[in-house]
Amino acid sequence: MELSQRLTAVARYVKPGSKVADIGSDHAFLPIHLIQSGKSASVIAGEVNRGPLEMARKNVDQTGFSKQIELRLGDGLSVIEDGEVDTVCISGMGGTLITSILDAGIERLSSVQQLVLQPNVAEKQARKWLYDHGWELVGETILKEEGIIYEVFSAVRGNAKAPYQSQQWPLEQWFELGPFLWSEKSPIYKEKWEREWGNTKRVLSDLKRAKSTEIETKRMELEDRLKWIEEVLTCMQTVRP
């Protein structure tokens, strides 16, 4: 079973021998890969909707991994008990939803040693949640698949402040930039911020046509953001990793 680049990046961060929970597993492609590759001995695949869970069951049965992969119907981290797994993967959803899942099931994370997250949007919120809850960011990957740019990151229990020692940007901006991605400054990373500049510029142009106090405040915020993005892009041109 061929895995997408996005899920391959998630799988790459899973520590060998881990007991894994894949939350929002969809078709169980990630659990199957983890077992097939020998990366993990057991995986709990959680899914909130019965339809995708049955598709996952069909895929698991076809690959013969029904003893190694346990499929569970439930919302978020409710599918696991404390102590069952040491790695939790959550991918393919927004950063805001990921953080709400982590908040709702935080008592089930006491024995978990690693989080591998792949937010489709709002990566900033996911990084901030890790920081606020004592998880140390230890690796980040950025990739483009079918024209969409994704970020994947791994965190372990440790010193949450460790990746953010540089004073180059305020902490809130680091949550959006990603300290490891900034250090690497890959072409895809640059493309992401060029896209962000273009999107911000378009929204700002639209707002300039409207008149109201509320819109004026938003316009000023976007002008400040545009200047910051331009500074980010300038730094990428002048400072190479």
Protein backbone atom coordinates (compact mmCIF):
# COMPACT_ATOMS: atom_id res chain seq x y z
CA MET A 1 0.00 0.00 0.00
CA GLU A 2 1.59 3.24 -1.20
CA LEU A 3 1.52 5.99 1.39
CA SER A 4 1.11 9.68 0.54
CA GLN A 5 4.08 11.98 1.06
CA ARG A 6 2.18 13.69 3.86
CA LEU A 7 1.60 10.48 5.83
CA THR A 8 5.10 9.24 5.00
CA ALA A 9 6.44 12.35 6.77
CA VAL A 10 4.23 11.56 9.77
CA ALA A 11 5.42 7.94 9.84
CA ARG A 12 9.05 9.02 9.64
CA TYR A 13 8.77 10.76 13.01
CA VAL A 14 7.28 7.78 14.85
CA LYS A 15 9.94 6.25 17.08
CA PRO A 16 10.73 2.60 16.26
CA GLY A 17 8.99 0.14 18.53
CA SER A 18 6.35 2.64 19.63
CA LYS A 19 2.83 1.68 20.61
CA VAL A 20 0.87 4.15 18.50
CA ALA A 21 -2.58 5.70 18.45
CA ASP A 22 -3.61 7.23 15.13
CA ILE A 23 -6.45 9.64 15.87
CA GLY A 24 -8.76 10.31 12.93
CA SER A 25 -7.25 7.37 11.09
CA ASP A 26 -9.66 7.54 8.14
CA HIS A 27 -8.74 4.53 5.95
CA ALA A 28 -6.00 3.26 8.33
CA PHE A 29 -3.29 3.90 5.77
CA LEU A 30 -0.83 5.14 8.41
CA PRO A 31 -1.37 2.22 10.85
CA ILE A 32 -0.98 -0.29 8.03
CA HIS A 33 2.27 1.34 6.94
CA LEU A 34 3.63 1.39 10.50
CA ILE A 35 2.98 -2.33 10.90
CA GLN A 36 4.07 -3.25 7.37
CA SER A 37 7.36 -1.39 7.72
CA GLY A 38 8.08 -2.85 11.17
CA LYS A 39 8.12 0.62 12.69
CA SER A 40 5.47 -0.28 15.23
CA ALA A 41 4.30 -3.53 16.81
CA SER A 42 0.77 -2.35 17.54
CA VAL A 43 -1.49 0.54 16.56
CA ILE A 44 -4.87 1.75 17.77
CA ALA A 45 -6.75 3.40 14.91
CA GLY A 46 -9.44 5.78 16.13
CA GLU A 47 -12.21 7.22 13.98
CA VAL A 48 -15.25 9.28 15.00
CA ASN A 49 -17.37 8.26 11.98
CA ARG A 50 -18.56 4.71 11.34
CA GLY A 51 -18.22 4.89 7.54
CA PRO A 52 -14.48 5.61 7.47
CA LEU A 53 -13.98 3.10 10.30
CA GLU A 54 -15.55 0.34 8.22
CA MET A 55 -13.33 1.31 5.26
CA ALA A 56 -10.36 1.12 7.60
CA ARG A 57 -11.51 -2.30 8.80
CA LYS A 58 -11.72 -3.53 5.21
CA ASN A 59 -8.18 -2.32 4.48
CA VAL A 60 -6.80 -3.83 7.67
CA ASP A 61 -8.46 -7.18 6.98
CA GLN A 62 -7.11 -7.21 3.43
CA THR A 63 -3.56 -6.70 4.64
CA GLY A 64 -3.86 -9.34 7.37
CA PHE A 65 -2.95 -6.99 10.24
CA SER A 66 -6.15 -7.30 12.27
CA LYS A 67 -4.20 -8.62 15.29
CA GLN A 68 -1.73 -5.72 15.27
CA ILE A 69 -4.18 -2.92 14.44
CA GLU A 70 -7.16 -2.37 16.70
CA LEU A 71 -9.95 -0.23 15.26
CA ARG A 72 -12.01 1.83 17.68
CA LEU A 73 -15.01 4.10 17.15
CA GLY A 74 -14.90 7.25 19.25
CA ASP A 75 -14.21 10.96 19.44
CA GLY A 76 -10.58 12.04 19.64
CA LEU A 77 -8.50 10.61 22.47
CA SER A 78 -11.52 8.89 24.01
CA VAL A 79 -10.52 5.79 22.01
CA ILE A 80 -7.43 5.23 24.19
CA GLU A 81 -6.89 4.62 27.88
CA ASP A 82 -4.00 6.09 29.80
CA GLY A 83 -0.97 3.81 29.48
CA GLU A 84 -2.02 2.05 26.27
CA VAL A 85 0.25 3.97 23.88
CA ASP A 86 3.41 6.03 23.98
CA THR A 87 2.98 7.87 20.64
CA VAL A 88 -0.08 9.73 19.40
CA CYS A 89 -0.41 10.82 15.78
CA ILE A 90 -3.05 13.34 14.70
CA SER A 91 -3.05 14.38 11.05
CA GLY A 92 -5.23 15.66 8.25
CA MET A 93 -7.23 18.24 10.20
CA GLY A 94 -6.91 21.87 11.23
CA GLY A 95 -4.65 23.01 14.05
CA THR A 96 -7.62 24.37 16.01
CA LEU A 97 -9.36 20.98 15.92
CA ILE A 98 -6.13 19.20 16.86
CA THR A 99 -5.70 21.39 19.94
CA SER A 100 -9.32 20.86 20.97
CA ILE A 101 -8.79 17.09 20.71
CA LEU A 102 -5.67 17.33 22.86
CA ASP A 103 -7.44 19.55 25.40
CA ALA A 104 -10.48 17.28 25.62
CA GLY A 105 -8.37 14.17 26.20
CA ILE A 106 -5.43 15.63 28.07
CA GLU A 107 -5.83 13.23 31.01
CA ARG A 108 -5.19 10.34 28.59
CA LEU A 109 -1.77 11.73 27.63
CA SER A 110 0.01 11.23 30.96
CA SER A 111 1.94 8.17 29.73
CA VAL A 112 2.35 9.39 26.13
CA GLN A 113 5.94 10.33 25.30
CA GLN A 114 5.60 11.62 21.74
CA LEU A 115 3.09 13.63 19.71
CA VAL A 116 3.30 13.71 15.91
CA LEU A 117 1.01 16.38 14.49
CA GLN A 118 0.14 17.37 10.94
CA PRO A 119 -2.25 20.31 10.94
CA ASN A 120 -3.64 21.26 7.52
CA VAL A 121 -3.99 24.88 8.67
CA ALA A 122 -3.44 26.90 11.86
CA GLU A 123 -0.04 25.38 12.59
CA LYS A 124 0.57 28.30 14.94
CA GLN A 125 -2.15 27.12 17.33
CA ALA A 126 -0.73 23.61 17.43
CA ARG A 127 2.80 24.81 18.23
CA LYS A 128 1.47 27.15 20.90
CA TRP A 129 -0.47 24.30 22.51
CA LEU A 130 2.68 22.19 22.69
CA TYR A 131 4.60 25.07 24.25
CA ASP A 132 1.88 25.87 26.78
CA HIS A 133 1.62 22.23 27.90
CA GLY A 134 5.30 21.42 28.30
CA TRP A 135 5.95 19.56 25.05
CA GLU A 136 9.32 20.20 23.38
CA LEU A 137 9.28 20.57 19.62
CA VAL A 138 12.09 18.35 18.30
CA GLY A 139 11.53 18.22 14.55
CA GLU A 140 9.60 19.83 11.71
CA THR A 141 9.07 18.94 8.06
CA ILE A 142 7.48 20.95 5.27
CA LEU A 143 6.42 19.38 1.99
CA LYS A 144 4.23 19.99 -1.04
CA GLU A 145 1.91 17.34 -2.40
CA GLU A 146 -0.53 17.92 -5.26
CA GLY A 147 0.01 21.65 -4.94
CA ILE A 148 -0.80 21.78 -1.22
CA ILE A 149 1.86 22.68 1.35
CA TYR A 150 1.83 20.69 4.59
CA GLU A 151 3.78 20.94 7.83
CA VAL A 152 4.49 17.98 10.12
CA PHE A 153 6.11 18.20 13.52
CA SER A 154 7.13 15.98 16.38
CA ALA A 155 7.25 16.84 20.07
CA VAL A 156 8.36 15.01 23.20
CA ARG A 157 8.10 15.74 26.89
CA GLY A 158 10.93 18.09 27.76
CA ASN A 159 11.92 21.74 27.74
CA ALA A 160 9.21 23.50 25.73
CA LYS A 161 11.32 26.67 25.54
CA ALA A 162 14.36 24.96 24.02
CA PRO A 163 13.58 25.50 20.30
CA TYR A 164 12.66 29.15 20.85
CA GLN A 165 15.88 30.55 22.29
CA SER A 166 16.56 32.91 19.39
CA GLN A 167 15.50 36.51 19.93
CA GLN A 168 15.16 37.20 16.21
CA TRP A 169 11.36 37.03 16.39
CA PRO A 170 8.81 37.33 19.21
CA LEU A 171 7.52 34.03 20.55
CA GLU A 172 4.09 34.36 18.88
CA GLN A 173 5.80 34.79 15.50
CA TRP A 174 8.00 31.75 16.12
CA PHE A 175 4.85 29.69 16.64
CA GLU A 176 3.85 30.61 13.10
CA LEU A 177 7.30 30.38 11.51
CA GLY A 178 8.41 27.11 13.07
CA PRO A 179 11.96 27.27 14.47
CA PHE A 180 13.32 24.20 12.66
CA LEU A 181 11.70 25.18 9.35
CA TRP A 182 13.15 28.67 9.70
CA SER A 183 16.60 27.25 10.30
CA GLU A 184 16.37 25.15 7.14
CA LYS A 185 14.68 27.77 4.92
CA SER A 186 13.81 25.28 2.20
CA PRO A 187 12.44 26.34 -1.20
CA ILE A 188 8.98 25.02 -0.21
CA TYR A 189 9.12 27.06 2.99
CA LYS A 190 9.94 30.16 0.98
CA GLU A 191 7.06 29.36 -1.38
CA LYS A 192 4.70 29.08 1.58
CA TRP A 193 5.57 32.57 2.75
CA GLU A 194 5.38 33.99 -0.78
CA ARG A 195 1.86 32.56 -0.97
CA GLU A 196 1.05 34.08 2.41
CA TRP A 197 2.28 37.46 1.19
CA GLY A 198 0.09 37.21 -1.91
CA ASN A 199 -3.00 36.17 0.06
CA THR A 200 -2.52 38.96 2.59
CA LYS A 201 -1.98 41.50 -0.19
CA ARG A 202 -5.22 40.46 -1.92
CA VAL A 203 -7.29 40.67 1.27
CA LEU A 204 -5.78 44.05 2.05
CA SER A 205 -6.64 45.35 -1.42
CA ASP A 206 -10.25 44.26 -0.96
CA LEU A 207 -10.50 45.96 2.44
CA LYS A 208 -9.20 49.24 1.06
CA ARG A 209 -12.37 49.52 -1.00
CA ALA A 210 -14.61 49.33 2.06
CA LYS A 211 -15.18 51.99 4.70
CA SER A 212 -15.92 51.41 8.41
CA THR A 213 -14.09 51.73 11.71
CA GLU A 214 -13.96 47.95 12.14
CA ILE A 215 -12.58 47.41 8.66
CA GLU A 216 -10.04 50.18 9.16
CA THR A 217 -8.71 48.41 12.26
CA LYS A 218 -8.46 45.15 10.32
CA ARG A 219 -6.74 46.94 7.46
CA MET A 220 -4.08 48.32 9.80
CA GLU A 221 -3.50 44.85 11.26
CA LEU A 222 -3.05 43.41 7.77
CA GLU A 223 -0.66 46.18 6.78
CA ASP A 224 1.49 45.35 9.81
CA ARG A 225 1.34 41.66 8.92
CA LEU A 226 2.30 42.36 5.32
CA LYS A 227 5.36 44.31 6.47
CA TRP A 228 6.36 41.43 8.74
CA ILE A 229 6.00 38.86 5.95
CA GLU A 230 8.13 41.08 3.71
CA GLU A 231 10.77 41.15 6.45
CA VAL A 232 10.60 37.34 6.70
CA LEU A 233 11.07 36.97 2.95
CA THR A 234 13.93 39.46 2.93
CA CYS A 235 15.71 37.49 5.66
CA MET A 236 15.33 34.31 3.60
CA GLN A 237 17.03 36.02 0.66
CA THR A 238 19.96 37.41 2.66
CA VAL A 239 20.53 34.71 5.28
CA ARG A 240 21.16 31.18 4.04
CA PRO A 241 21.17 28.08 6.30
